[in-house]
Amino acid sequence: YYPLMQLCLTCDRLGQREQSYMYHKMVAQKYPDDPSV
């Protein structure tokens, strides 16, 4: 959970939108109802 959320944030800051969204979807598959997700 934590590294995927941080990768989503880090890639977004790097302007790597597709990678950021990819990491988001990976964590969302397991924790769709998590408030941060």
PDB file of all heavy atoms in Angstrom:
ATOM      1  N   TYR A   1       0.811  -1.212   0.000  1.00  0.00           N
ATOM      2  CA  TYR A   1       0.000   0.000   0.000  1.00  0.00           C
ATOM      3  C   TYR A   1       0.848   1.268   0.000  1.00  0.00           C
ATOM      4  O   TYR A   1       0.692   2.144  -0.854  1.00  0.00           O
ATOM      5  CB  TYR A   1      -0.934  -0.005   1.214  1.00  0.00           C
ATOM      6  CG  TYR A   1      -1.721   1.268   1.409  1.00  0.00           C
ATOM      7  CD1 TYR A   1      -2.936   1.452   0.764  1.00  0.00           C
ATOM      8  CD2 TYR A   1      -1.247   2.284   2.242  1.00  0.00           C
ATOM      9  CE1 TYR A   1      -3.671   2.621   0.935  1.00  0.00           C
ATOM     10  CE2 TYR A   1      -1.957   3.452   2.425  1.00  0.00           C
ATOM     11  CZ  TYR A   1      -3.172   3.620   1.768  1.00  0.00           C
ATOM     12  OH  TYR A   1      -3.872   4.787   1.936  1.00  0.00           O
ATOM     13  N   TYR A   2       1.745   1.389   0.974  1.00  0.00           N
ATOM     14  CA  TYR A   2       2.488   2.647   1.139  1.00  0.00           C
ATOM     15  C   TYR A   2       3.385   2.971  -0.050  1.00  0.00           C
ATOM     16  O   TYR A   2       3.329   4.095  -0.571  1.00  0.00           O
ATOM     17  CB  TYR A   2       3.291   2.615   2.437  1.00  0.00           C
ATOM     18  CG  TYR A   2       3.916   3.952   2.772  1.00  0.00           C
ATOM     19  CD1 TYR A   2       3.152   4.943   3.381  1.00  0.00           C
ATOM     20  CD2 TYR A   2       5.245   4.223   2.474  1.00  0.00           C
ATOM     21  CE1 TYR A   2       3.709   6.175   3.688  1.00  0.00           C
ATOM     22  CE2 TYR A   2       5.804   5.455   2.765  1.00  0.00           C
ATOM     23  CZ  TYR A   2       5.030   6.432   3.374  1.00  0.00           C
ATOM     24  OH  TYR A   2       5.574   7.657   3.662  1.00  0.00           O
ATOM     25  N   PRO A   3       4.228   2.043  -0.511  1.00  0.00           N
ATOM     26  CA  PRO A   3       5.083   2.403  -1.655  1.00  0.00           C
ATOM     27  C   PRO A   3       4.290   2.726  -2.911  1.00  0.00           C
ATOM     28  O   PRO A   3       4.687   3.599  -3.689  1.00  0.00           O
ATOM     29  CB  PRO A   3       5.980   1.183  -1.841  1.00  0.00           C
ATOM     30  CG  PRO A   3       5.275   0.072  -1.149  1.00  0.00           C
ATOM     31  CD  PRO A   3       4.538   0.700  -0.003  1.00  0.00           C
ATOM     32  N   LEU A   4       3.158   2.039  -3.138  1.00  0.00           N
ATOM     33  CA  LEU A   4       2.345   2.343  -4.316  1.00  0.00           C
ATOM     34  C   LEU A   4       1.745   3.745  -4.213  1.00  0.00           C
ATOM     35  O   LEU A   4       1.715   4.492  -5.207  1.00  0.00           O
ATOM     36  CB  LEU A   4       1.230   1.306  -4.472  1.00  0.00           C
ATOM     37  CG  LEU A   4       1.656  -0.071  -4.979  1.00  0.00           C
ATOM     38  CD1 LEU A   4       0.467  -1.024  -4.976  1.00  0.00           C
ATOM     39  CD2 LEU A   4       2.253   0.015  -6.379  1.00  0.00           C
ATOM     40  N   MET A   5       1.262   4.112  -3.035  1.00  0.00           N
ATOM     41  CA  MET A   5       0.716   5.456  -2.855  1.00  0.00           C
ATOM     42  C   MET A   5       1.806   6.514  -3.049  1.00  0.00           C
ATOM     43  O   MET A   5       1.563   7.564  -3.666  1.00  0.00           O
ATOM     44  CB  MET A   5       0.092   5.592  -1.463  1.00  0.00           C
ATOM     45  CG  MET A   5      -1.140   4.725  -1.248  1.00  0.00           C
ATOM     46  SD  MET A   5      -2.545   5.205  -2.275  1.00  0.00           S
ATOM     47  CE  MET A   5      -3.076   6.701  -1.451  1.00  0.00           C
ATOM     48  N   GLN A   6       3.000   6.233  -2.550  1.00  0.00           N
ATOM     49  CA  GLN A   6       4.102   7.184  -2.695  1.00  0.00           C
ATOM     50  C   GLN A   6       4.587   7.252  -4.148  1.00  0.00           C
ATOM     51  O   GLN A   6       4.999   8.318  -4.625  1.00  0.00           O
ATOM     52  CB  GLN A   6       5.251   6.817  -1.761  1.00  0.00           C
ATOM     53  CG  GLN A   6       4.924   6.982  -0.279  1.00  0.00           C
ATOM     54  CD  GLN A   6       4.579   8.402   0.094  1.00  0.00           C
ATOM     55  OE1 GLN A   6       3.423   8.824  -0.001  1.00  0.00           O
ATOM     56  NE2 GLN A   6       5.577   9.162   0.502  1.00  0.00           N
ATOM     57  N   LEU A   7       4.556   6.131  -4.841  1.00  0.00           N
ATOM     58  CA  LEU A   7       4.931   6.142  -6.257  1.00  0.00           C
ATOM     59  C   LEU A   7       3.909   6.924  -7.078  1.00  0.00           C
ATOM     60  O   LEU A   7       4.273   7.632  -8.039  1.00  0.00           O
ATOM     61  CB  LEU A   7       5.050   4.710  -6.781  1.00  0.00           C
ATOM     62  CG  LEU A   7       6.346   4.000  -6.411  1.00  0.00           C
ATOM     63  CD1 LEU A   7       6.228   2.499  -6.677  1.00  0.00           C
ATOM     64  CD2 LEU A   7       7.522   4.583  -7.197  1.00  0.00           C
ATOM     65  N   CYS A   8       2.662   6.802  -6.722  1.00  0.00           N
ATOM     66  CA  CYS A   8       1.617   7.588  -7.387  1.00  0.00           C
ATOM     67  C   CYS A   8       1.911   9.079  -7.225  1.00  0.00           C
ATOM     68  O   CYS A   8       1.865   9.844  -8.198  1.00  0.00           O
ATOM     69  CB  CYS A   8       0.255   7.234  -6.803  1.00  0.00           C
ATOM     70  SG  CYS A   8      -1.124   8.166  -7.475  1.00  0.00           S
ATOM     71  N   LEU A   9       2.247   9.493  -6.013  1.00  0.00           N
ATOM     72  CA  LEU A   9       2.567  10.889  -5.727  1.00  0.00           C
ATOM     73  C   LEU A   9       3.846  11.336  -6.433  1.00  0.00           C
ATOM     74  O   LEU A   9       3.888  12.389  -7.079  1.00  0.00           O
ATOM     75  CB  LEU A   9       2.712  11.077  -4.214  1.00  0.00           C
ATOM     76  CG  LEU A   9       3.290  12.410  -3.729  1.00  0.00           C
ATOM     77  CD1 LEU A   9       2.320  13.535  -4.043  1.00  0.00           C
ATOM     78  CD2 LEU A   9       3.583  12.354  -2.234  1.00  0.00           C
ATOM     79  N   THR A  10       4.899  10.516  -6.312  1.00  0.00           N
ATOM     80  CA  THR A  10       6.202  10.885  -6.864  1.00  0.00           C
ATOM     81  C   THR A  10       6.159  11.001  -8.380  1.00  0.00           C
ATOM     82  O   THR A  10       6.694  11.966  -8.959  1.00  0.00           O
ATOM     83  CB  THR A  10       7.265   9.855  -6.434  1.00  0.00           C
ATOM     84  OG1 THR A  10       7.281   9.750  -5.013  1.00  0.00           O
ATOM     85  CG2 THR A  10       8.640  10.266  -6.920  1.00  0.00           C
ATOM     86  N   CYS A  11       5.534  10.034  -9.031  1.00  0.00           N
ATOM     87  CA  CYS A  11       5.446  10.080 -10.497  1.00  0.00           C
ATOM     88  C   CYS A  11       4.604  11.260 -10.957  1.00  0.00           C
ATOM     89  O   CYS A  11       4.891  11.881 -12.006  1.00  0.00           O
ATOM     90  CB  CYS A  11       4.873   8.769 -11.039  1.00  0.00           C
ATOM     91  SG  CYS A  11       6.002   7.373 -10.889  1.00  0.00           S
ATOM     92  N   ASP A  12       3.577  11.589 -10.200  1.00  0.00           N
ATOM     93  CA  ASP A  12       2.768  12.756 -10.541  1.00  0.00           C
ATOM     94  C   ASP A  12       3.612  14.016 -10.493  1.00  0.00           C
ATOM     95  O   ASP A  12       3.522  14.876 -11.385  1.00  0.00           O
ATOM     96  CB  ASP A  12       1.587  12.860  -9.579  1.00  0.00           C
ATOM     97  CG  ASP A  12       0.667  14.018  -9.920  1.00  0.00           C
ATOM     98  OD1 ASP A  12      -0.035  13.937 -10.946  1.00  0.00           O
ATOM     99  OD2 ASP A  12       0.656  15.007  -9.159  1.00  0.00           O
ATOM    100  N   ARG A  13       4.438  14.145  -9.468  1.00  0.00           N
ATOM    101  CA  ARG A  13       5.312  15.317  -9.358  1.00  0.00           C
ATOM    102  C   ARG A  13       6.360  15.344 -10.458  1.00  0.00           C
ATOM    103  O   ARG A  13       6.806  16.418 -10.877  1.00  0.00           O
ATOM    104  CB  ARG A  13       5.986  15.346  -7.985  1.00  0.00           C
ATOM    105  CG  ARG A  13       5.026  15.635  -6.841  1.00  0.00           C
ATOM    106  CD  ARG A  13       5.775  15.783  -5.532  1.00  0.00           C
ATOM    107  NE  ARG A  13       4.865  16.041  -4.426  1.00  0.00           N
ATOM    108  CZ  ARG A  13       5.256  16.189  -3.149  1.00  0.00           C
ATOM    109  NH1 ARG A  13       6.556  16.096  -2.852  1.00  0.00           N
ATOM    110  NH2 ARG A  13       4.368  16.422  -2.205  1.00  0.00           N
ATOM    111  N   LEU A  14       6.753  14.175 -10.924  1.00  0.00           N
ATOM    112  CA  LEU A  14       7.719  14.089 -12.026  1.00  0.00           C
ATOM    113  C   LEU A  14       7.063  14.351 -13.378  1.00  0.00           C
ATOM    114  O   LEU A  14       7.763  14.416 -14.400  1.00  0.00           O
ATOM    115  CB  LEU A  14       8.381  12.708 -12.040  1.00  0.00           C
ATOM    116  CG  LEU A  14       9.438  12.437 -10.969  1.00  0.00           C
ATOM    117  CD1 LEU A  14       9.758  10.944 -10.900  1.00  0.00           C
ATOM    118  CD2 LEU A  14      10.708  13.241 -11.265  1.00  0.00           C
ATOM    119  N   GLY A  15       5.762  14.485 -13.402  1.00  0.00           N
ATOM    120  CA  GLY A  15       5.054  14.680 -14.660  1.00  0.00           C
ATOM    121  C   GLY A  15       4.808  13.389 -15.411  1.00  0.00           C
ATOM    122  O   GLY A  15       4.402  13.411 -16.577  1.00  0.00           O
ATOM    123  N   GLN A  16       5.025  12.250 -14.728  1.00  0.00           N
ATOM    124  CA  GLN A  16       4.836  10.936 -15.358  1.00  0.00           C
ATOM    125  C   GLN A  16       3.413  10.462 -15.048  1.00  0.00           C
ATOM    126  O   GLN A  16       3.174   9.582 -14.232  1.00  0.00           O
ATOM    127  CB  GLN A  16       5.885   9.952 -14.826  1.00  0.00           C
ATOM    128  CG  GLN A  16       7.314  10.388 -15.120  1.00  0.00           C
ATOM    129  CD  GLN A  16       8.363   9.579 -14.369  1.00  0.00           C
ATOM    130  OE1 GLN A  16       8.045   8.753 -13.510  1.00  0.00           O
ATOM    131  NE2 GLN A  16       9.630   9.818 -14.689  1.00  0.00           N
ATOM    132  N   ARG A  17       2.441  11.060 -15.723  1.00  0.00           N
ATOM    133  CA  ARG A  17       1.031  10.863 -15.403  1.00  0.00           C
ATOM    134  C   ARG A  17       0.584   9.421 -15.609  1.00  0.00           C
ATOM    135  O   ARG A  17      -0.168   8.869 -14.800  1.00  0.00           O
ATOM    136  CB  ARG A  17       0.167  11.798 -16.262  1.00  0.00           C
ATOM    137  CG  ARG A  17       0.490  13.282 -16.105  1.00  0.00           C
ATOM    138  CD  ARG A  17       0.088  13.797 -14.736  1.00  0.00           C
ATOM    139  NE  ARG A  17       0.392  15.229 -14.620  1.00  0.00           N
ATOM    140  CZ  ARG A  17       0.157  15.969 -13.549  1.00  0.00           C
ATOM    141  NH1 ARG A  17      -0.378  15.396 -12.502  1.00  0.00           N
ATOM    142  NH2 ARG A  17       0.467  17.242 -13.522  1.00  0.00           N
ATOM    143  N   GLU A  18       1.016   8.817 -16.690  1.00  0.00           N
ATOM    144  CA  GLU A  18       0.577   7.446 -16.969  1.00  0.00           C
ATOM    145  C   GLU A  18       1.083   6.481 -15.901  1.00  0.00           C
ATOM    146  O   GLU A  18       0.346   5.603 -15.442  1.00  0.00           O
ATOM    147  CB  GLU A  18       1.048   7.007 -18.355  1.00  0.00           C
ATOM    148  CG  GLU A  18       0.329   7.716 -19.496  1.00  0.00           C
ATOM    149  CD  GLU A  18       0.718   7.149 -20.851  1.00  0.00           C
ATOM    150  OE1 GLU A  18       1.495   6.164 -20.884  1.00  0.00           O
ATOM    151  OE2 GLU A  18       0.264   7.688 -21.869  1.00  0.00           O
ATOM    152  N   GLN A  19       2.349   6.659 -15.500  1.00  0.00           N
ATOM    153  CA  GLN A  19       2.898   5.792 -14.440  1.00  0.00           C
ATOM    154  C   GLN A  19       2.194   6.062 -13.110  1.00  0.00           C
ATOM    155  O   GLN A  19       1.897   5.133 -12.350  1.00  0.00           O
ATOM    156  CB  GLN A  19       4.398   6.020 -14.295  1.00  0.00           C
ATOM    157  CG  GLN A  19       5.227   5.418 -15.410  1.00  0.00           C
ATOM    158  CD  GLN A  19       6.703   5.399 -15.046  1.00  0.00           C
ATOM    159  OE1 GLN A  19       7.082   5.007 -13.953  1.00  0.00           O
ATOM    160  NE2 GLN A  19       7.538   5.847 -15.980  1.00  0.00           N
ATOM    161  N   SER A  20       1.950   7.328 -12.847  1.00  0.00           N
ATOM    162  CA  SER A  20       1.266   7.682 -11.608  1.00  0.00           C
ATOM    163  C   SER A  20      -0.099   7.004 -11.533  1.00  0.00           C
ATOM    164  O   SER A  20      -0.461   6.415 -10.498  1.00  0.00           O
ATOM    165  CB  SER A  20       1.103   9.203 -11.526  1.00  0.00           C
ATOM    166  OG  SER A  20       0.396   9.567 -10.356  1.00  0.00           O
ATOM    167  N   TYR A  21      -0.847   7.060 -12.634  1.00  0.00           N
ATOM    168  CA  TYR A  21      -2.177   6.447 -12.665  1.00  0.00           C
ATOM    169  C   TYR A  21      -2.076   4.927 -12.587  1.00  0.00           C
ATOM    170  O   TYR A  21      -2.916   4.273 -11.951  1.00  0.00           O
ATOM    171  CB  TYR A  21      -2.915   6.859 -13.938  1.00  0.00           C
ATOM    172  CG  TYR A  21      -4.347   6.389 -13.979  1.00  0.00           C
ATOM    173  CD1 TYR A  21      -5.277   6.893 -13.079  1.00  0.00           C
ATOM    174  CD2 TYR A  21      -4.765   5.446 -14.908  1.00  0.00           C
ATOM    175  CE1 TYR A  21      -6.605   6.460 -13.095  1.00  0.00           C
ATOM    176  CE2 TYR A  21      -6.085   5.008 -14.931  1.00  0.00           C
ATOM    177  CZ  TYR A  21      -6.991   5.515 -14.020  1.00  0.00           C
ATOM    178  OH  TYR A  21      -8.299   5.077 -14.046  1.00  0.00           O
ATOM    179  N   MET A  22      -1.042   4.360 -13.178  1.00  0.00           N
ATOM    180  CA  MET A  22      -0.840   2.911 -13.114  1.00  0.00           C
ATOM    181  C   MET A  22      -0.670   2.454 -11.667  1.00  0.00           C
ATOM    182  O   MET A  22      -1.290   1.468 -11.232  1.00  0.00           O
ATOM    183  CB  MET A  22       0.395   2.520 -13.924  1.00  0.00           C
ATOM    184  CG  MET A  22       0.734   1.025 -13.841  1.00  0.00           C
ATOM    185  SD  MET A  22       2.348   0.631 -14.560  1.00  0.00           S
ATOM    186  CE  MET A  22       3.467   1.352 -13.341  1.00  0.00           C
ATOM    187  N   TYR A  23       0.159   3.179 -10.907  1.00  0.00           N
ATOM    188  CA  TYR A  23       0.361   2.806  -9.502  1.00  0.00           C
ATOM    189  C   TYR A  23      -0.929   3.011  -8.697  1.00  0.00           C
ATOM    190  O   TYR A  23      -1.242   2.218  -7.796  1.00  0.00           O
ATOM    191  CB  TYR A  23       1.511   3.615  -8.898  1.00  0.00           C
ATOM    192  CG  TYR A  23       2.864   3.203  -9.432  1.00  0.00           C
ATOM    193  CD1 TYR A  23       3.697   4.123 -10.073  1.00  0.00           C
ATOM    194  CD2 TYR A  23       3.317   1.897  -9.304  1.00  0.00           C
ATOM    195  CE1 TYR A  23       4.943   3.747 -10.561  1.00  0.00           C
ATOM    196  CE2 TYR A  23       4.552   1.507  -9.791  1.00  0.00           C
ATOM    197  CZ  TYR A  23       5.367   2.436 -10.423  1.00  0.00           C
ATOM    198  OH  TYR A  23       6.593   2.056 -10.913  1.00  0.00           O
ATOM    199  N   HIS A  24      -1.648   4.033  -9.035  1.00  0.00           N
ATOM    200  CA  HIS A  24      -2.935   4.257  -8.368  1.00  0.00           C
ATOM    201  C   HIS A  24      -3.882   3.085  -8.596  1.00  0.00           C
ATOM    202  O   HIS A  24      -4.524   2.601  -7.652  1.00  0.00           O
ATOM    203  CB  HIS A  24      -3.572   5.558  -8.879  1.00  0.00           C
ATOM    204  CG  HIS A  24      -5.034   5.654  -8.590  1.00  0.00           C
ATOM    205  ND1 HIS A  24      -5.538   5.809  -7.311  1.00  0.00           N
ATOM    206  CD2 HIS A  24      -6.126   5.580  -9.423  1.00  0.00           C
ATOM    207  CE1 HIS A  24      -6.861   5.843  -7.367  1.00  0.00           C
ATOM    208  NE2 HIS A  24      -7.237   5.704  -8.632  1.00  0.00           N
ATOM    209  N   LYS A  25      -3.977   2.629  -9.817  1.00  0.00           N
ATOM    210  CA  LYS A  25      -4.887   1.525 -10.132  1.00  0.00           C
ATOM    211  C   LYS A  25      -4.452   0.236  -9.444  1.00  0.00           C
ATOM    212  O   LYS A  25      -5.297  -0.578  -9.045  1.00  0.00           O
ATOM    213  CB  LYS A  25      -4.968   1.308 -11.643  1.00  0.00           C
ATOM    214  CG  LYS A  25      -5.592   2.455 -12.410  1.00  0.00           C
ATOM    215  CD  LYS A  25      -7.001   2.766 -11.923  1.00  0.00           C
ATOM    216  CE  LYS A  25      -8.002   1.672 -12.247  1.00  0.00           C
ATOM    217  NZ  LYS A  25      -9.371   2.041 -11.838  1.00  0.00           N
ATOM    218  N   MET A  26      -3.151   0.047  -9.272  1.00  0.00           N
ATOM    219  CA  MET A  26      -2.657  -1.157  -8.602  1.00  0.00           C
ATOM    220  C   MET A  26      -3.140  -1.204  -7.154  1.00  0.00           C
ATOM    221  O   MET A  26      -3.615  -2.239  -6.666  1.00  0.00           O
ATOM    222  CB  MET A  26      -1.126  -1.210  -8.649  1.00  0.00           C
ATOM    223  CG  MET A  26      -0.566  -1.511 -10.032  1.00  0.00           C
ATOM    224  SD  MET A  26       1.252  -1.351 -10.103  1.00  0.00           S
ATOM    225  CE  MET A  26       1.748  -2.682  -9.002  1.00  0.00           C
ATOM    226  N   VAL A  27      -3.046  -0.074  -6.453  1.00  0.00           N
ATOM    227  CA  VAL A  27      -3.483  -0.065  -5.055  1.00  0.00           C
ATOM    228  C   VAL A  27      -5.002  -0.027  -4.963  1.00  0.00           C
ATOM    229  O   VAL A  27      -5.600  -0.596  -4.028  1.00  0.00           O
ATOM    230  CB  VAL A  27      -2.825   1.110  -4.295  1.00  0.00           C
ATOM    231  CG1 VAL A  27      -3.401   2.450  -4.705  1.00  0.00           C
ATOM    232  CG2 VAL A  27      -2.960   0.922  -2.787  1.00  0.00           C
ATOM    233  N   ALA A  28      -5.654   0.599  -5.953  1.00  0.00           N
ATOM    234  CA  ALA A  28      -7.115   0.700  -5.936  1.00  0.00           C
ATOM    235  C   ALA A  28      -7.781  -0.656  -6.125  1.00  0.00           C
ATOM    236  O   ALA A  28      -8.895  -0.879  -5.637  1.00  0.00           O
ATOM    237  CB  ALA A  28      -7.582   1.664  -7.017  1.00  0.00           C
ATOM    238  N   GLN A  29      -7.105  -1.569  -6.805  1.00  0.00           N
ATOM    239  CA  GLN A  29      -7.674  -2.905  -7.000  1.00  0.00           C
ATOM    240  C   GLN A  29      -7.863  -3.629  -5.678  1.00  0.00           C
ATOM    241  O   GLN A  29      -8.805  -4.402  -5.505  1.00  0.00           O
ATOM    242  CB  GLN A  29      -6.784  -3.732  -7.937  1.00  0.00           C
ATOM    243  CG  GLN A  29      -6.860  -3.297  -9.390  1.00  0.00           C
ATOM    244  CD  GLN A  29      -5.925  -4.112 -10.273  1.00  0.00           C
ATOM    245  OE1 GLN A  29      -5.196  -4.992  -9.792  1.00  0.00           O
ATOM    246  NE2 GLN A  29      -5.937  -3.829 -11.571  1.00  0.00           N
ATOM    247  N   LYS A  30      -6.967  -3.377  -4.732  1.00  0.00           N
ATOM    248  CA  LYS A  30      -7.044  -4.059  -3.437  1.00  0.00           C
ATOM    249  C   LYS A  30      -7.763  -3.230  -2.387  1.00  0.00           C
ATOM    250  O   LYS A  30      -8.436  -3.766  -1.511  1.00  0.00           O
ATOM    251  CB  LYS A  30      -5.635  -4.418  -2.945  1.00  0.00           C
ATOM    252  CG  LYS A  30      -5.639  -5.278  -1.693  1.00  0.00           C
ATOM    253  CD  LYS A  30      -4.246  -5.770  -1.338  1.00  0.00           C
ATOM    254  CE  LYS A  30      -4.275  -6.690  -0.118  1.00  0.00           C
ATOM    255  NZ  LYS A  30      -2.914  -7.182   0.243  1.00  0.00           N
ATOM    256  N   TYR A  31      -7.631  -1.899  -2.481  1.00  0.00           N
ATOM    257  CA  TYR A  31      -8.214  -1.023  -1.465  1.00  0.00           C
ATOM    258  C   TYR A  31      -9.082   0.062  -2.111  1.00  0.00           C
ATOM    259  O   TYR A  31      -8.805   1.257  -1.976  1.00  0.00           O
ATOM    260  CB  TYR A  31      -7.110  -0.365  -0.630  1.00  0.00           C
ATOM    261  CG  TYR A  31      -6.192  -1.335   0.065  1.00  0.00           C
ATOM    262  CD1 TYR A  31      -4.875  -1.517  -0.372  1.00  0.00           C
ATOM    263  CD2 TYR A  31      -6.628  -2.064   1.166  1.00  0.00           C
ATOM    264  CE1 TYR A  31      -4.027  -2.401   0.271  1.00  0.00           C
ATOM    265  CE2 TYR A  31      -5.786  -2.950   1.818  1.00  0.00           C
ATOM    266  CZ  TYR A  31      -4.482  -3.117   1.365  1.00  0.00           C
ATOM    267  OH  TYR A  31      -3.654  -3.991   2.001  1.00  0.00           O
ATOM    268  N   PRO A  32     -10.139  -0.325  -2.817  1.00  0.00           N
ATOM    269  CA  PRO A  32     -10.952   0.664  -3.530  1.00  0.00           C
ATOM    270  C   PRO A  32     -11.666   1.657  -2.621  1.00  0.00           C
ATOM    271  O   PRO A  32     -11.975   2.770  -3.044  1.00  0.00           O
ATOM    272  CB  PRO A  32     -11.954  -0.200  -4.308  1.00  0.00           C
ATOM    273  CG  PRO A  32     -12.045  -1.472  -3.509  1.00  0.00           C
ATOM    274  CD  PRO A  32     -10.669  -1.700  -2.980  1.00  0.00           C
ATOM    275  N   ASP A  33     -11.922   1.252  -1.363  1.00  0.00           N
ATOM    276  CA  ASP A  33     -12.673   2.113  -0.451  1.00  0.00           C
ATOM    277  C   ASP A  33     -11.790   2.919   0.491  1.00  0.00           C
ATOM    278  O   ASP A  33     -12.308   3.653   1.350  1.00  0.00           O
ATOM    279  CB  ASP A  33     -13.654   1.265   0.366  1.00  0.00           C
ATOM    280  CG  ASP A  33     -14.676   0.553  -0.505  1.00  0.00           C
ATOM    281  OD1 ASP A  33     -15.110   1.155  -1.505  1.00  0.00           O
ATOM    282  OD2 ASP A  33     -15.015  -0.608  -0.192  1.00  0.00           O
ATOM    283  N   ASP A  34     -10.493   2.773   0.355  1.00  0.00           N
ATOM    284  CA  ASP A  34      -9.591   3.554   1.198  1.00  0.00           C
ATOM    285  C   ASP A  34      -9.765   5.039   0.886  1.00  0.00           C
ATOM    286  O   ASP A  34      -9.779   5.438  -0.283  1.00  0.00           O
ATOM    287  CB  ASP A  34      -8.138   3.130   0.930  1.00  0.00           C
ATOM    288  CG  ASP A  34      -7.156   3.929   1.752  1.00  0.00           C
ATOM    289  OD1 ASP A  34      -6.950   3.584   2.915  1.00  0.00           O
ATOM    290  OD2 ASP A  34      -6.594   4.916   1.216  1.00  0.00           O
ATOM    291  N   PRO A  35      -9.919   5.898   1.902  1.00  0.00           N
ATOM    292  CA  PRO A  35     -10.173   7.328   1.658  1.00  0.00           C
ATOM    293  C   PRO A  35      -9.129   7.992   0.767  1.00  0.00           C
ATOM    294  O   PRO A  35      -9.480   8.814  -0.092  1.00  0.00           O
ATOM    295  CB  PRO A  35     -10.161   7.924   3.064  1.00  0.00           C
ATOM    296  CG  PRO A  35     -10.579   6.801   3.948  1.00  0.00           C
ATOM    297  CD  PRO A  35      -9.980   5.571   3.340  1.00  0.00           C
ATOM    298  N   SER A  36      -7.847   7.661   0.950  1.00  0.00           N
ATOM    299  CA  SER A  36      -6.805   8.267   0.118  1.00  0.00           C
ATOM    300  C   SER A  36      -6.898   7.785  -1.323  1.00  0.00           C
ATOM    301  O   SER A  36      -6.634   8.553  -2.260  1.00  0.00           O
ATOM    302  CB  SER A  36      -5.419   7.945   0.694  1.00  0.00           C
ATOM    303  OG  SER A  36      -5.262   8.514   1.968  1.00  0.00           O
ATOM    304  N   VAL A  37      -7.269   6.527  -1.503  1.00  0.00           N
ATOM    305  CA  VAL A  37      -7.441   5.989  -2.855  1.00  0.00           C
ATOM    306  C   VAL A  37      -8.626   6.659  -3.541  1.00  0.00           C
ATOM    307  O   VAL A  37      -8.560   7.028  -4.721  1.00  0.00           O
ATOM    308  CB  VAL A  37      -7.624   4.460  -2.809  1.00  0.00           C
ATOM    309  CG1 VAL A  37      -7.975   3.921  -4.196  1.00  0.00           C
ATOM    310  CG2 VAL A  37      -6.359   3.790  -2.285  1.00  0.00           C
TER     311      VAL A  37
END
